[in-house]
């Protein structure tokens, strides 16, 4: 702790306090079984899968339409 405190011109007791707070916070996260922001990342994944579905439907629609155009050219 002393090296970190000296390097950043901070009281060593403050560094010890921050370390203890960080440790307690991490324990709480792991006890809960969920990471920070997990629900937000889950919502993002749902939105991305929905968008992938939309794009797949659009692609299929345009592929079918373009096949119809090939028959008109002949």
PDB file of N, CA and C in Angstrom:
ATOM      1  N   UNK A   1       0.818  -1.188   0.000  1.00  0.00           N
ATOM      2  CA  UNK A   1       0.000   0.000   0.000  1.00  0.00           C
ATOM      3  C   UNK A   1       0.867   1.259   0.000  1.00  0.00           C
ATOM      4  N   UNK A   2       1.973   1.190   0.702  1.00  0.00           N
ATOM      5  CA  UNK A   2       2.816   2.367   0.833  1.00  0.00           C
ATOM      6  C   UNK A   2       3.370   2.850  -0.488  1.00  0.00           C
ATOM      7  N   UNK A   3       3.727   1.920  -1.367  1.00  0.00           N
ATOM      8  CA  UNK A   3       4.291   2.285  -2.666  1.00  0.00           C
ATOM      9  C   UNK A   3       3.232   2.988  -3.517  1.00  0.00           C
ATOM     10  N   UNK A   4       2.024   2.426  -3.539  1.00  0.00           N
ATOM     11  CA  UNK A   4       0.936   3.030  -4.314  1.00  0.00           C
ATOM     12  C   UNK A   4       0.607   4.418  -3.765  1.00  0.00           C
ATOM     13  N   UNK A   5       0.516   4.513  -2.446  1.00  0.00           N
ATOM     14  CA  UNK A   5       0.195   5.800  -1.820  1.00  0.00           C
ATOM     15  C   UNK A   5       1.256   6.841  -2.143  1.00  0.00           C
ATOM     16  N   UNK A   6       2.522   6.445  -2.066  1.00  0.00           N
ATOM     17  CA  UNK A   6       3.602   7.385  -2.333  1.00  0.00           C
ATOM     18  C   UNK A   6       3.617   7.806  -3.805  1.00  0.00           C
ATOM     19  N   UNK A   7       3.380   6.851  -4.683  1.00  0.00           N
ATOM     20  CA  UNK A   7       3.410   7.135  -6.113  1.00  0.00           C
ATOM     21  C   UNK A   7       2.344   8.158  -6.499  1.00  0.00           C
ATOM     22  N   UNK A   8       1.188   8.094  -5.833  1.00  0.00           N
ATOM     23  CA  UNK A   8       0.075   8.968  -6.187  1.00  0.00           C
ATOM     24  C   UNK A   8      -0.175  10.074  -5.156  1.00  0.00           C
ATOM     25  N   UNK A   9       0.777  10.182  -4.215  1.00  0.00           N
ATOM     26  CA  UNK A   9       0.700  11.211  -3.179  1.00  0.00           C
ATOM     27  C   UNK A   9      -0.638  11.156  -2.421  1.00  0.00           C
ATOM     28  N   UNK A  10      -0.980   9.941  -1.967  1.00  0.00           N
ATOM     29  CA  UNK A  10      -2.215   9.694  -1.223  1.00  0.00           C
ATOM     30  C   UNK A  10      -1.842   9.100   0.130  1.00  0.00           C
ATOM     31  N   UNK A  11      -2.660   9.372   1.121  1.00  0.00           N
ATOM     32  CA  UNK A  11      -2.453   8.803   2.451  1.00  0.00           C
ATOM     33  C   UNK A  11      -2.610   7.281   2.374  1.00  0.00           C
ATOM     34  N   UNK A  12      -1.658   6.502   2.915  1.00  0.00           N
ATOM     35  CA  UNK A  12      -1.742   5.037   2.875  1.00  0.00           C
ATOM     36  C   UNK A  12      -3.029   4.492   3.513  1.00  0.00           C
ATOM     37  N   UNK A  13      -3.553   5.174   4.528  1.00  0.00           N
ATOM     38  CA  UNK A  13      -4.798   4.716   5.141  1.00  0.00           C
ATOM     39  C   UNK A  13      -5.963   4.806   4.152  1.00  0.00           C
ATOM     40  N   UNK A  14      -5.951   5.825   3.306  1.00  0.00           N
ATOM     41  CA  UNK A  14      -7.009   5.970   2.310  1.00  0.00           C
ATOM     42  C   UNK A  14      -6.946   4.834   1.299  1.00  0.00           C
ATOM     43  N   UNK A  15      -5.747   4.461   0.878  1.00  0.00           N
ATOM     44  CA  UNK A  15      -5.582   3.351  -0.066  1.00  0.00           C
ATOM     45  C   UNK A  15      -6.100   2.061   0.563  1.00  0.00           C
ATOM     46  N   UNK A  16      -5.781   1.839   1.824  1.00  0.00           N
ATOM     47  CA  UNK A  16      -6.272   0.643   2.525  1.00  0.00           C
ATOM     48  C   UNK A  16      -7.793   0.633   2.600  1.00  0.00           C
ATOM     49  N   UNK A  17      -8.380   1.793   2.862  1.00  0.00           N
ATOM     50  CA  UNK A  17      -9.836   1.894   2.946  1.00  0.00           C
ATOM     51  C   UNK A  17     -10.468   1.573   1.590  1.00  0.00           C
ATOM     52  N   UNK A  18      -9.905   2.144   0.511  1.00  0.00           N
ATOM     53  CA  UNK A  18     -10.446   1.881  -0.822  1.00  0.00           C
ATOM     54  C   UNK A  18     -10.330   0.404  -1.178  1.00  0.00           C
ATOM     55  N   UNK A  19      -9.223  -0.208  -0.800  1.00  0.00           N
ATOM     56  CA  UNK A  19      -9.027  -1.628  -1.089  1.00  0.00           C
ATOM     57  C   UNK A  19     -10.079  -2.464  -0.375  1.00  0.00           C
ATOM     58  N   UNK A  20     -10.341  -2.157   0.880  1.00  0.00           N
ATOM     59  CA  UNK A  20     -11.342  -2.902   1.651  1.00  0.00           C
ATOM     60  C   UNK A  20     -12.735  -2.720   1.040  1.00  0.00           C
ATOM     61  N   UNK A  21     -13.064  -1.495   0.630  1.00  0.00           N
ATOM     62  CA  UNK A  21     -14.366  -1.230   0.016  1.00  0.00           C
ATOM     63  C   UNK A  21     -14.514  -1.986  -1.303  1.00  0.00           C
ATOM     64  N   UNK A  22     -13.462  -2.003  -2.079  1.00  0.00           N
ATOM     65  CA  UNK A  22     -13.490  -2.721  -3.354  1.00  0.00           C
ATOM     66  C   UNK A  22     -13.677  -4.216  -3.115  1.00  0.00           C
ATOM     67  N   UNK A  23     -12.980  -4.742  -2.147  1.00  0.00           N
ATOM     68  CA  UNK A  23     -13.080  -6.166  -1.815  1.00  0.00           C
ATOM     69  C   UNK A  23     -14.498  -6.519  -1.406  1.00  0.00           C
ATOM     70  N   UNK A  24     -15.102  -5.718  -0.557  1.00  0.00           N
ATOM     71  CA  UNK A  24     -16.476  -5.964  -0.111  1.00  0.00           C
ATOM     72  C   UNK A  24     -17.450  -5.875  -1.288  1.00  0.00           C
ATOM     73  N   UNK A  25     -17.241  -4.905  -2.142  1.00  0.00           N
ATOM     74  CA  UNK A  25     -18.114  -4.752  -3.302  1.00  0.00           C
ATOM     75  C   UNK A  25     -18.036  -5.948  -4.238  1.00  0.00           C
ATOM     76  N   UNK A  26     -16.836  -6.453  -4.446  1.00  0.00           N
ATOM     77  CA  UNK A  26     -16.671  -7.623  -5.309  1.00  0.00           C
ATOM     78  C   UNK A  26     -17.310  -8.854  -4.690  1.00  0.00           C
ATOM     79  N   UNK A  27     -17.166  -9.003  -3.397  1.00  0.00           N
ATOM     80  CA  UNK A  27     -17.805 -10.134  -2.729  1.00  0.00           C
ATOM     81  C   UNK A  27     -19.317 -10.084  -2.898  1.00  0.00           C
ATOM     82  N   UNK A  28     -19.885  -8.906  -2.788  1.00  0.00           N
ATOM     83  CA  UNK A  28     -21.333  -8.751  -2.945  1.00  0.00           C
ATOM     84  C   UNK A  28     -21.766  -9.132  -4.359  1.00  0.00           C
ATOM     85  N   UNK A  29     -21.000  -8.748  -5.353  1.00  0.00           N
ATOM     86  CA  UNK A  29     -21.335  -9.086  -6.734  1.00  0.00           C
ATOM     87  C   UNK A  29     -21.317 -10.591  -6.930  1.00  0.00           C
ATOM     88  N   UNK A  30     -20.286 -11.265  -6.430  1.00  0.00           N
ATOM     89  CA  UNK A  30     -20.181 -12.703  -6.622  1.00  0.00           C
ATOM     90  C   UNK A  30     -21.194 -13.476  -5.777  1.00  0.00           C
ATOM     91  N   UNK A  31     -21.552 -12.962  -4.625  1.00  0.00           N
ATOM     92  CA  UNK A  31     -22.585 -13.611  -3.805  1.00  0.00           C
ATOM     93  C   UNK A  31     -23.928 -13.547  -4.512  1.00  0.00           C
ATOM     94  N   UNK A  32     -24.202 -12.447  -5.156  1.00  0.00           N
ATOM     95  CA  UNK A  32     -25.483 -12.276  -5.847  1.00  0.00           C
ATOM     96  C   UNK A  32     -25.567 -13.169  -7.084  1.00  0.00           C
ATOM     97  N   UNK A  33     -24.434 -13.591  -7.600  1.00  0.00           N
ATOM     98  CA  UNK A  33     -24.414 -14.469  -8.756  1.00  0.00           C
ATOM     99  C   UNK A  33     -24.591 -13.761 -10.078  1.00  0.00           C
ATOM    100  N   UNK A  34     -24.593 -12.456 -10.056  1.00  0.00           N
ATOM    101  CA  UNK A  34     -24.749 -11.695 -11.289  1.00  0.00           C
ATOM    102  C   UNK A  34     -23.640 -10.666 -11.385  1.00  0.00           C
ATOM    103  N   UNK A  35     -23.174 -10.464 -12.614  1.00  0.00           N
ATOM    104  CA  UNK A  35     -22.169  -9.446 -12.844  1.00  0.00           C
ATOM    105  C   UNK A  35     -22.817  -8.079 -12.986  1.00  0.00           C
ATOM    106  N   UNK A  36     -22.029  -7.070 -12.845  1.00  0.00           N
ATOM    107  CA  UNK A  36     -22.531  -5.715 -13.003  1.00  0.00           C
ATOM    108  C   UNK A  36     -22.959  -5.510 -14.442  1.00  0.00           C
ATOM    109  N   UNK A  37     -24.158  -4.974 -14.645  1.00  0.00           N
ATOM    110  CA  UNK A  37     -24.649  -4.697 -15.987  1.00  0.00           C
ATOM    111  C   UNK A  37     -25.143  -5.912 -16.733  1.00  0.00           C
ATOM    112  N   UNK A  38     -25.319  -7.040 -16.064  1.00  0.00           N
ATOM    113  CA  UNK A  38     -25.732  -8.260 -16.745  1.00  0.00           C
ATOM    114  C   UNK A  38     -27.129  -8.120 -17.355  1.00  0.00           C
ATOM    115  N   UNK A  39     -28.026  -7.462 -16.650  1.00  0.00           N
ATOM    116  CA  UNK A  39     -29.376  -7.314 -17.192  1.00  0.00           C
ATOM    117  C   UNK A  39     -29.367  -6.418 -18.426  1.00  0.00           C
ATOM    118  N   UNK A  40     -28.540  -5.395 -18.430  1.00  0.00           N
ATOM    119  CA  UNK A  40     -28.449  -4.523 -19.601  1.00  0.00           C
ATOM    120  C   UNK A  40     -27.857  -5.259 -20.790  1.00  0.00           C
ATOM    121  N   UNK A  41     -26.848  -6.088 -20.562  1.00  0.00           N
ATOM    122  CA  UNK A  41     -26.268  -6.835 -21.672  1.00  0.00           C
ATOM    123  C   UNK A  41     -27.266  -7.858 -22.200  1.00  0.00           C
ATOM    124  N   UNK A  42     -28.114  -8.410 -21.307  1.00  0.00           N
ATOM    125  CA  UNK A  42     -29.153  -9.329 -21.749  1.00  0.00           C
ATOM    126  C   UNK A  42     -30.161  -8.643 -22.651  1.00  0.00           C
ATOM    127  N   UNK A  43     -30.538  -7.414 -22.297  1.00  0.00           N
ATOM    128  CA  UNK A  43     -31.469  -6.647 -23.137  1.00  0.00           C
ATOM    129  C   UNK A  43     -30.834  -6.318 -24.485  1.00  0.00           C
ATOM    130  N   UNK A  44     -29.559  -5.999 -24.473  1.00  0.00           N
ATOM    131  CA  UNK A  44     -28.862  -5.701 -25.724  1.00  0.00           C
ATOM    132  C   UNK A  44     -28.839  -6.939 -26.619  1.00  0.00           C
ATOM    133  N   UNK A  45     -28.569  -8.083 -26.045  1.00  0.00           N
ATOM    134  CA  UNK A  45     -28.538  -9.326 -26.817  1.00  0.00           C
ATOM    135  C   UNK A  45     -29.905  -9.609 -27.420  1.00  0.00           C
ATOM    136  N   UNK A  46     -30.965  -9.405 -26.647  1.00  0.00           N
ATOM    137  CA  UNK A  46     -32.323  -9.604 -27.175  1.00  0.00           C
ATOM    138  C   UNK A  46     -32.595  -8.675 -28.353  1.00  0.00           C
ATOM    139  N   UNK A  47     -32.211  -7.410 -28.221  1.00  0.00           N
ATOM    140  CA  UNK A  47     -32.425  -6.460 -29.314  1.00  0.00           C
ATOM    141  C   UNK A  47     -31.630  -6.848 -30.555  1.00  0.00           C
ATOM    142  N   UNK A  48     -30.409  -7.323 -30.341  1.00  0.00           N
ATOM    143  CA  UNK A  48     -29.576  -7.718 -31.474  1.00  0.00           C
ATOM    144  C   UNK A  48     -30.159  -8.933 -32.187  1.00  0.00           C
ATOM    145  N   UNK A  49     -30.641  -9.919 -31.423  1.00  0.00           N
ATOM    146  CA  UNK A  49     -31.257 -11.091 -32.047  1.00  0.00           C
ATOM    147  C   UNK A  49     -32.525 -10.692 -32.806  1.00  0.00           C
ATOM    148  N   UNK A  50     -33.297  -9.758 -32.256  1.00  0.00           N
ATOM    149  CA  UNK A  50     -34.494  -9.283 -32.952  1.00  0.00           C
ATOM    150  C   UNK A  50     -34.101  -8.621 -34.268  1.00  0.00           C
ATOM    151  N   UNK A  51     -33.064  -7.820 -34.240  1.00  0.00           N
ATOM    152  CA  UNK A  51     -32.613  -7.127 -35.458  1.00  0.00           C
ATOM    153  C   UNK A  51     -32.092  -8.133 -36.478  1.00  0.00           C
ATOM    154  N   UNK A  52     -31.383  -9.155 -36.021  1.00  0.00           N
ATOM    155  CA  UNK A  52     -30.892 -10.201 -36.928  1.00  0.00           C
ATOM    156  C   UNK A  52     -32.077 -10.878 -37.609  1.00  0.00           C
ATOM    157  N   UNK A  53     -33.132 -11.143 -36.838  1.00  0.00           N
ATOM    158  CA  UNK A  53     -34.333 -11.742 -37.414  1.00  0.00           C
ATOM    159  C   UNK A  53     -34.957 -10.857 -38.472  1.00  0.00           C
ATOM    160  N   UNK A  54     -35.067  -9.565 -38.190  1.00  0.00           N
ATOM    161  CA  UNK A  54     -35.624  -8.630 -39.161  1.00  0.00           C
ATOM    162  C   UNK A  54     -34.805  -8.622 -40.450  1.00  0.00           C
ATOM    163  N   UNK A  55     -33.498  -8.566 -40.296  1.00  0.00           N
ATOM    164  CA  UNK A  55     -32.629  -8.520 -41.475  1.00  0.00           C
ATOM    165  C   UNK A  55     -32.699  -9.819 -42.274  1.00  0.00           C
ATOM    166  N   UNK A  56     -32.860 -10.926 -41.601  1.00  0.00           N
ATOM    167  CA  UNK A  56     -32.985 -12.210 -42.283  1.00  0.00           C
ATOM    168  C   UNK A  56     -34.259 -12.247 -43.114  1.00  0.00           C
ATOM    169  N   UNK A  57     -35.356 -11.768 -42.533  1.00  0.00           N
ATOM    170  CA  UNK A  57     -36.631 -11.726 -43.264  1.00  0.00           C
ATOM    171  C   UNK A  57     -36.503 -10.813 -44.486  1.00  0.00           C
ATOM    172  N   UNK A  58     -35.895  -9.647 -44.309  1.00  0.00           N
ATOM    173  CA  UNK A  58     -35.711  -8.730 -45.438  1.00  0.00           C
ATOM    174  C   UNK A  58     -34.856  -9.360 -46.529  1.00  0.00           C
ATOM    175  N   UNK A  59     -33.788  -9.998 -46.138  1.00  0.00           N
ATOM    176  CA  UNK A  59     -32.896 -10.631 -47.114  1.00  0.00           C
ATOM    177  C   UNK A  59     -33.656 -11.687 -47.910  1.00  0.00           C
ATOM    178  N   UNK A  60     -34.409 -12.542 -47.199  1.00  0.00           N
ATOM    179  CA  UNK A  60     -35.167 -13.585 -47.885  1.00  0.00           C
ATOM    180  C   UNK A  60     -36.192 -12.982 -48.848  1.00  0.00           C
ATOM    181  N   UNK A  61     -36.850 -11.915 -48.435  1.00  0.00           N
ATOM    182  CA  UNK A  61     -37.831 -11.241 -49.281  1.00  0.00           C
ATOM    183  C   UNK A  61     -37.181 -10.739 -50.564  1.00  0.00           C
ATOM    184  N   UNK A  62     -36.049 -10.072 -50.421  1.00  0.00           N
ATOM    185  CA  UNK A  62     -35.383  -9.523 -51.600  1.00  0.00           C
ATOM    186  C   UNK A  62     -34.776 -10.610 -52.478  1.00  0.00           C
ATOM    187  N   UNK A  63     -34.331 -11.706 -51.885  1.00  0.00           N
ATOM    188  CA  UNK A  63     -33.816 -12.809 -52.690  1.00  0.00           C
ATOM    189  C   UNK A  63     -34.926 -13.409 -53.545  1.00  0.00           C
ATOM    190  N   UNK A  64     -36.095 -13.605 -52.949  1.00  0.00           N
ATOM    191  CA  UNK A  64     -37.224 -14.152 -53.705  1.00  0.00           C
ATOM    192  C   UNK A  64     -37.629 -13.183 -54.814  1.00  0.00           C
ATOM    193  N   UNK A  65     -37.653 -11.908 -54.515  1.00  0.00           N
ATOM    194  CA  UNK A  65     -38.000 -10.909 -55.522  1.00  0.00           C
ATOM    195  C   UNK A  65     -37.001 -10.862 -56.652  1.00  0.00           C
ATOM    196  N   UNK A  66     -35.722 -10.984 -56.328  1.00  0.00           N
ATOM    197  CA  UNK A  66     -34.701 -10.920 -57.380  1.00  0.00           C
ATOM    198  C   UNK A  66     -34.731 -12.164 -58.249  1.00  0.00           C
ATOM    199  N   UNK A  67     -35.141 -13.284 -57.704  1.00  0.00           N
ATOM    200  CA  UNK A  67     -35.273 -14.495 -58.512  1.00  0.00           C
ATOM    201  C   UNK A  67     -36.392 -14.319 -59.532  1.00  0.00           C
ATOM    202  N   UNK A  68     -37.444 -13.630 -59.142  1.00  0.00           N
ATOM    203  CA  UNK A  68     -38.540 -13.340 -60.066  1.00  0.00           C
ATOM    204  C   UNK A  68     -38.089 -12.449 -61.204  1.00  0.00           C
ATOM    205  N   UNK A  69     -37.196 -11.548 -60.931  1.00  0.00           N
ATOM    206  CA  UNK A  69     -36.675 -10.661 -61.972  1.00  0.00           C
ATOM    207  C   UNK A  69     -35.834 -11.426 -62.969  1.00  0.00           C
ATOM    208  N   UNK A  70     -35.110 -12.452 -62.509  1.00  0.00           N
ATOM    209  CA  UNK A  70     -34.294 -13.262 -63.426  1.00  0.00           C
ATOM    210  C   UNK A  70     -35.180 -13.941 -64.464  1.00  0.00           C
ATOM    211  N   UNK A  71     -36.378 -14.380 -64.050  1.00  0.00           N
ATOM    212  CA  UNK A  71     -37.290 -15.037 -64.988  1.00  0.00           C
ATOM    213  C   UNK A  71     -37.848 -14.065 -65.996  1.00  0.00           C
ATOM    214  N   UNK A  72     -37.951 -12.798 -65.645  1.00  0.00           N
ATOM    215  CA  UNK A  72     -38.501 -11.788 -66.554  1.00  0.00           C
ATOM    216  C   UNK A  72     -37.501 -11.417 -67.617  1.00  0.00           C
ATOM    217  N   UNK A  73     -36.216 -11.566 -67.338  1.00  0.00           N
ATOM    218  CA  UNK A  73     -35.177 -11.187 -68.296  1.00  0.00           C
ATOM    219  C   UNK A  73     -35.074 -12.171 -69.461  1.00  0.00           C
ATOM    220  N   UNK A  74     -35.457 -13.371 -69.234  1.00  0.00           N
ATOM    221  CA  UNK A  74     -35.263 -14.416 -70.255  1.00  0.00           C
ATOM    222  C   UNK A  74     -36.185 -14.323 -71.396  1.00  0.00           C
TER     223      UNK A  74
END
